[in-house]
Amino acid sequence: MNVRPLDDRILVKPIEAEDKTAGGIVLPDTAKEKSQRGKVIAVGSGKLLDTGDRAPLAVKVGDRVIFGKYAGTEIKIDGNQHQIMREHEILAVLVEG
């Protein structure tokens, strides 16, 4: 199924949280926190401005991002968990280097 977000919305696939702590302790499913990182799968065309133009989005498909704990709306696409959120709900883009 193809999903095309509208306006300034972004489709993100959450990256699974770690199974172990930094100290090597294995976490059970009940102790894991909801992931706040993900990969951008699709982006909308940008927010419509009063002038009729579209504001470009700061993120693009393939970016790895950090978003708020309660950001967006959870949906399932082909059995996989995704989130649709507005651009302003994304806190940062992860840059490798």
N, C-alpha and C. Protein backbone atom coordinates (compact mmCIF):
# COMPACT_ATOMS: atom_id res chain seq x y z
N MET A 1 0.85 -1.17 0.00
CA MET A 1 0.00 0.00 0.00
C MET A 1 0.90 1.24 0.00
N ASN A 2 0.59 2.21 -0.84
CA ASN A 2 1.32 3.47 -0.87
C ASN A 2 0.56 4.51 -0.08
N VAL A 3 1.27 5.26 0.74
CA VAL A 3 0.67 6.33 1.53
C VAL A 3 1.40 7.62 1.17
N ARG A 4 0.63 8.64 0.82
CA ARG A 4 1.20 9.95 0.49
C ARG A 4 0.66 10.96 1.49
N PRO A 5 1.52 11.41 2.43
CA PRO A 5 1.06 12.38 3.42
C PRO A 5 0.67 13.71 2.75
N LEU A 6 -0.24 14.42 3.37
CA LEU A 6 -0.69 15.71 2.84
C LEU A 6 0.00 16.86 3.56
N ASP A 7 0.13 17.98 2.87
CA ASP A 7 0.67 19.23 3.40
C ASP A 7 2.01 19.01 4.11
N ASP A 8 2.10 19.41 5.39
CA ASP A 8 3.38 19.32 6.11
C ASP A 8 3.46 18.06 6.97
N ARG A 9 2.73 17.03 6.60
CA ARG A 9 2.78 15.77 7.35
C ARG A 9 3.87 14.86 6.80
N ILE A 10 4.36 13.99 7.69
CA ILE A 10 5.47 13.12 7.37
C ILE A 10 5.14 11.71 7.86
N LEU A 11 5.44 10.70 7.06
CA LEU A 11 5.26 9.31 7.45
C LEU A 11 6.60 8.77 7.94
N VAL A 12 6.63 8.29 9.19
CA VAL A 12 7.86 7.82 9.82
C VAL A 12 7.68 6.37 10.26
N LYS A 13 8.69 5.54 9.99
CA LYS A 13 8.71 4.18 10.50
C LYS A 13 9.61 4.17 11.72
N PRO A 14 9.05 3.92 12.92
CA PRO A 14 9.88 3.92 14.13
C PRO A 14 10.97 2.86 14.07
N ILE A 15 12.12 3.21 14.62
CA ILE A 15 13.24 2.28 14.75
C ILE A 15 13.07 1.60 16.11
N GLU A 16 13.15 0.28 16.12
CA GLU A 16 12.94 -0.48 17.35
C GLU A 16 13.89 -0.03 18.45
N ALA A 17 13.38 0.04 19.68
CA ALA A 17 14.19 0.39 20.84
C ALA A 17 15.15 -0.76 21.14
N GLU A 18 16.24 -0.42 21.82
CA GLU A 18 17.25 -1.42 22.16
C GLU A 18 16.70 -2.47 23.11
N ASP A 19 17.17 -3.71 22.96
CA ASP A 19 16.78 -4.80 23.84
C ASP A 19 17.64 -4.86 25.10
N LYS A 20 18.81 -4.18 25.04
CA LYS A 20 19.74 -4.20 26.17
C LYS A 20 20.11 -2.78 26.56
N THR A 21 20.44 -2.59 27.84
CA THR A 21 20.93 -1.31 28.30
C THR A 21 22.41 -1.21 27.95
N ALA A 22 23.00 -0.05 28.19
CA ALA A 22 24.43 0.14 27.92
C ALA A 22 25.27 -0.79 28.79
N GLY A 23 24.77 -1.14 29.96
CA GLY A 23 25.48 -2.05 30.86
C GLY A 23 25.29 -3.51 30.52
N GLY A 24 24.48 -3.85 29.52
CA GLY A 24 24.30 -5.21 29.10
C GLY A 24 23.09 -5.92 29.69
N ILE A 25 22.25 -5.21 30.42
CA ILE A 25 21.06 -5.81 31.01
C ILE A 25 19.98 -5.94 29.94
N VAL A 26 19.43 -7.15 29.79
CA VAL A 26 18.38 -7.40 28.80
C VAL A 26 17.05 -6.89 29.35
N LEU A 27 16.35 -6.09 28.54
CA LEU A 27 15.08 -5.52 28.96
C LEU A 27 13.91 -6.36 28.46
N PRO A 28 12.96 -6.68 29.33
CA PRO A 28 11.74 -7.37 28.86
C PRO A 28 10.86 -6.37 28.09
N ASP A 29 9.93 -6.89 27.30
CA ASP A 29 9.05 -6.04 26.50
C ASP A 29 8.29 -5.03 27.35
N THR A 30 7.91 -5.40 28.57
CA THR A 30 7.13 -4.51 29.42
C THR A 30 7.94 -3.33 29.93
N ALA A 31 9.27 -3.44 29.93
CA ALA A 31 10.12 -2.36 30.45
C ALA A 31 10.61 -1.43 29.35
N LYS A 32 10.40 -1.80 28.09
CA LYS A 32 10.87 -0.97 26.98
C LYS A 32 10.01 0.28 26.85
N GLU A 33 10.68 1.39 26.54
CA GLU A 33 9.95 2.62 26.27
C GLU A 33 9.66 2.69 24.78
N LYS A 34 8.64 3.45 24.45
CA LYS A 34 8.27 3.66 23.05
C LYS A 34 9.42 4.38 22.33
N SER A 35 9.77 3.90 21.16
CA SER A 35 10.87 4.48 20.40
C SER A 35 10.56 5.92 20.00
N GLN A 36 11.55 6.78 20.09
CA GLN A 36 11.39 8.17 19.69
C GLN A 36 12.27 8.48 18.48
N ARG A 37 12.75 7.45 17.83
CA ARG A 37 13.57 7.61 16.64
C ARG A 37 12.90 6.87 15.48
N GLY A 38 13.14 7.35 14.29
CA GLY A 38 12.54 6.69 13.14
C GLY A 38 13.17 7.13 11.84
N LYS A 39 12.72 6.49 10.78
CA LYS A 39 13.20 6.78 9.43
C LYS A 39 12.03 7.35 8.64
N VAL A 40 12.28 8.45 7.94
CA VAL A 40 11.25 9.10 7.13
C VAL A 40 10.99 8.25 5.89
N ILE A 41 9.73 7.84 5.72
CA ILE A 41 9.33 6.99 4.60
C ILE A 41 8.72 7.82 3.48
N ALA A 42 7.94 8.84 3.82
CA ALA A 42 7.30 9.70 2.82
C ALA A 42 7.04 11.07 3.42
N VAL A 43 7.02 12.10 2.58
CA VAL A 43 6.76 13.46 3.03
C VAL A 43 5.67 14.09 2.17
N GLY A 44 4.96 15.04 2.76
CA GLY A 44 3.94 15.77 2.02
C GLY A 44 4.55 16.84 1.15
N SER A 45 3.72 17.64 0.53
CA SER A 45 4.19 18.67 -0.40
C SER A 45 4.59 19.97 0.28
N GLY A 46 4.36 20.10 1.58
CA GLY A 46 4.73 21.32 2.31
C GLY A 46 3.51 22.10 2.74
N LYS A 47 3.68 22.92 3.76
CA LYS A 47 2.58 23.72 4.29
C LYS A 47 2.18 24.81 3.30
N LEU A 48 0.88 24.98 3.11
CA LEU A 48 0.37 26.00 2.20
C LEU A 48 0.41 27.35 2.91
N LEU A 49 1.12 28.30 2.32
CA LEU A 49 1.25 29.64 2.89
C LEU A 49 0.12 30.53 2.44
N ASP A 50 -0.04 31.68 3.09
CA ASP A 50 -1.09 32.64 2.73
C ASP A 50 -0.93 33.14 1.29
N THR A 51 0.29 33.13 0.78
CA THR A 51 0.55 33.60 -0.58
C THR A 51 0.15 32.58 -1.65
N GLY A 52 -0.17 31.37 -1.20
CA GLY A 52 -0.51 30.30 -2.14
C GLY A 52 0.66 29.41 -2.48
N ASP A 53 1.86 29.78 -2.01
CA ASP A 53 3.06 28.97 -2.23
C ASP A 53 3.14 27.87 -1.17
N ARG A 54 3.98 26.91 -1.41
CA ARG A 54 4.22 25.83 -0.45
C ARG A 54 5.58 26.04 0.22
N ALA A 55 5.62 25.93 1.55
CA ALA A 55 6.88 26.03 2.28
C ALA A 55 7.60 24.68 2.18
N PRO A 56 8.87 24.67 1.79
CA PRO A 56 9.58 23.40 1.66
C PRO A 56 9.79 22.76 3.04
N LEU A 57 9.79 21.43 3.08
CA LEU A 57 10.02 20.71 4.32
C LEU A 57 11.51 20.60 4.61
N ALA A 58 11.86 20.57 5.89
CA ALA A 58 13.27 20.48 6.31
C ALA A 58 13.77 19.04 6.29
N VAL A 59 12.87 18.08 6.18
CA VAL A 59 13.28 16.67 6.15
C VAL A 59 12.95 16.08 4.79
N LYS A 60 13.65 14.99 4.46
CA LYS A 60 13.41 14.31 3.19
C LYS A 60 13.34 12.81 3.42
N VAL A 61 12.86 12.09 2.46
CA VAL A 61 12.75 10.64 2.55
C VAL A 61 14.14 10.05 2.82
N GLY A 62 14.21 9.14 3.78
CA GLY A 62 15.47 8.50 4.13
C GLY A 62 16.15 9.09 5.35
N ASP A 63 15.76 10.30 5.77
CA ASP A 63 16.34 10.92 6.96
C ASP A 63 15.99 10.11 8.20
N ARG A 64 16.92 10.03 9.15
CA ARG A 64 16.64 9.44 10.45
C ARG A 64 16.37 10.59 11.41
N VAL A 65 15.26 10.52 12.12
CA VAL A 65 14.80 11.65 12.93
C VAL A 65 14.50 11.23 14.37
N ILE A 66 14.46 12.23 15.25
CA ILE A 66 14.01 12.08 16.62
C ILE A 66 12.74 12.89 16.75
N PHE A 67 11.70 12.29 17.34
CA PHE A 67 10.43 12.99 17.49
C PHE A 67 9.96 12.89 18.93
N GLY A 68 8.97 13.70 19.28
CA GLY A 68 8.44 13.72 20.63
C GLY A 68 7.80 12.41 21.03
N LYS A 69 7.78 12.15 22.33
CA LYS A 69 7.26 10.89 22.85
C LYS A 69 5.81 10.64 22.45
N TYR A 70 4.99 11.68 22.42
CA TYR A 70 3.58 11.52 22.09
C TYR A 70 3.23 12.15 20.74
N ALA A 71 4.22 12.25 19.86
CA ALA A 71 4.02 12.88 18.56
C ALA A 71 3.28 11.97 17.60
N GLY A 72 2.48 12.57 16.76
CA GLY A 72 1.87 11.86 15.65
C GLY A 72 0.76 10.90 16.01
N THR A 73 0.30 10.22 14.99
CA THR A 73 -0.76 9.22 15.09
C THR A 73 -0.21 7.89 14.61
N GLU A 74 -0.36 6.85 15.42
CA GLU A 74 0.13 5.54 15.04
C GLU A 74 -0.83 4.87 14.07
N ILE A 75 -0.27 4.28 13.01
CA ILE A 75 -1.07 3.53 12.03
C ILE A 75 -0.29 2.28 11.64
N LYS A 76 -1.00 1.29 11.10
CA LYS A 76 -0.35 0.09 10.59
C LYS A 76 -0.50 0.08 9.08
N ILE A 77 0.62 -0.17 8.41
CA ILE A 77 0.64 -0.27 6.96
C ILE A 77 1.27 -1.61 6.62
N ASP A 78 0.52 -2.47 5.96
CA ASP A 78 1.00 -3.81 5.61
C ASP A 78 1.54 -4.55 6.83
N GLY A 79 0.89 -4.38 7.99
CA GLY A 79 1.27 -5.07 9.21
C GLY A 79 2.42 -4.44 9.98
N ASN A 80 3.00 -3.35 9.47
CA ASN A 80 4.12 -2.67 10.14
C ASN A 80 3.64 -1.38 10.77
N GLN A 81 4.16 -1.08 11.96
CA GLN A 81 3.80 0.13 12.69
C GLN A 81 4.47 1.35 12.06
N HIS A 82 3.71 2.42 11.84
CA HIS A 82 4.21 3.69 11.32
C HIS A 82 3.55 4.81 12.10
N GLN A 83 4.07 6.01 11.94
CA GLN A 83 3.45 7.19 12.53
C GLN A 83 3.37 8.29 11.49
N ILE A 84 2.23 8.98 11.49
CA ILE A 84 2.08 10.17 10.66
C ILE A 84 2.10 11.36 11.61
N MET A 85 2.98 12.31 11.32
CA MET A 85 3.10 13.48 12.19
C MET A 85 3.37 14.72 11.36
N ARG A 86 3.13 15.85 11.97
CA ARG A 86 3.44 17.13 11.32
C ARG A 86 4.93 17.41 11.46
N GLU A 87 5.45 18.21 10.56
CA GLU A 87 6.88 18.51 10.56
C GLU A 87 7.33 19.12 11.88
N HIS A 88 6.50 19.96 12.50
CA HIS A 88 6.93 20.63 13.73
C HIS A 88 7.04 19.67 14.92
N GLU A 89 6.53 18.43 14.78
CA GLU A 89 6.65 17.43 15.84
C GLU A 89 8.00 16.72 15.82
N ILE A 90 8.77 16.91 14.75
CA ILE A 90 10.10 16.33 14.66
C ILE A 90 11.06 17.26 15.37
N LEU A 91 11.84 16.69 16.29
CA LEU A 91 12.75 17.49 17.11
C LEU A 91 14.12 17.67 16.48
N ALA A 92 14.61 16.64 15.76
CA ALA A 92 15.94 16.72 15.18
C ALA A 92 16.11 15.69 14.07
N VAL A 93 17.05 15.98 13.19
CA VAL A 93 17.48 15.03 12.15
C VAL A 93 18.83 14.51 12.58
N LEU A 94 19.00 13.18 12.59
CA LEU A 94 20.27 12.57 12.98
C LEU A 94 21.23 12.64 11.79
N VAL A 95 22.41 13.21 12.04
CA VAL A 95 23.42 13.37 10.99
C VAL A 95 24.59 12.47 11.34
N GLU A 96 24.95 11.60 10.41
CA GLU A 96 26.08 10.71 10.65
C GLU A 96 27.37 11.46 10.39
N GLY A 97 28.39 11.13 11.19
CA GLY A 97 29.67 11.77 10.92
C GLY A 97 30.48 12.02 12.09
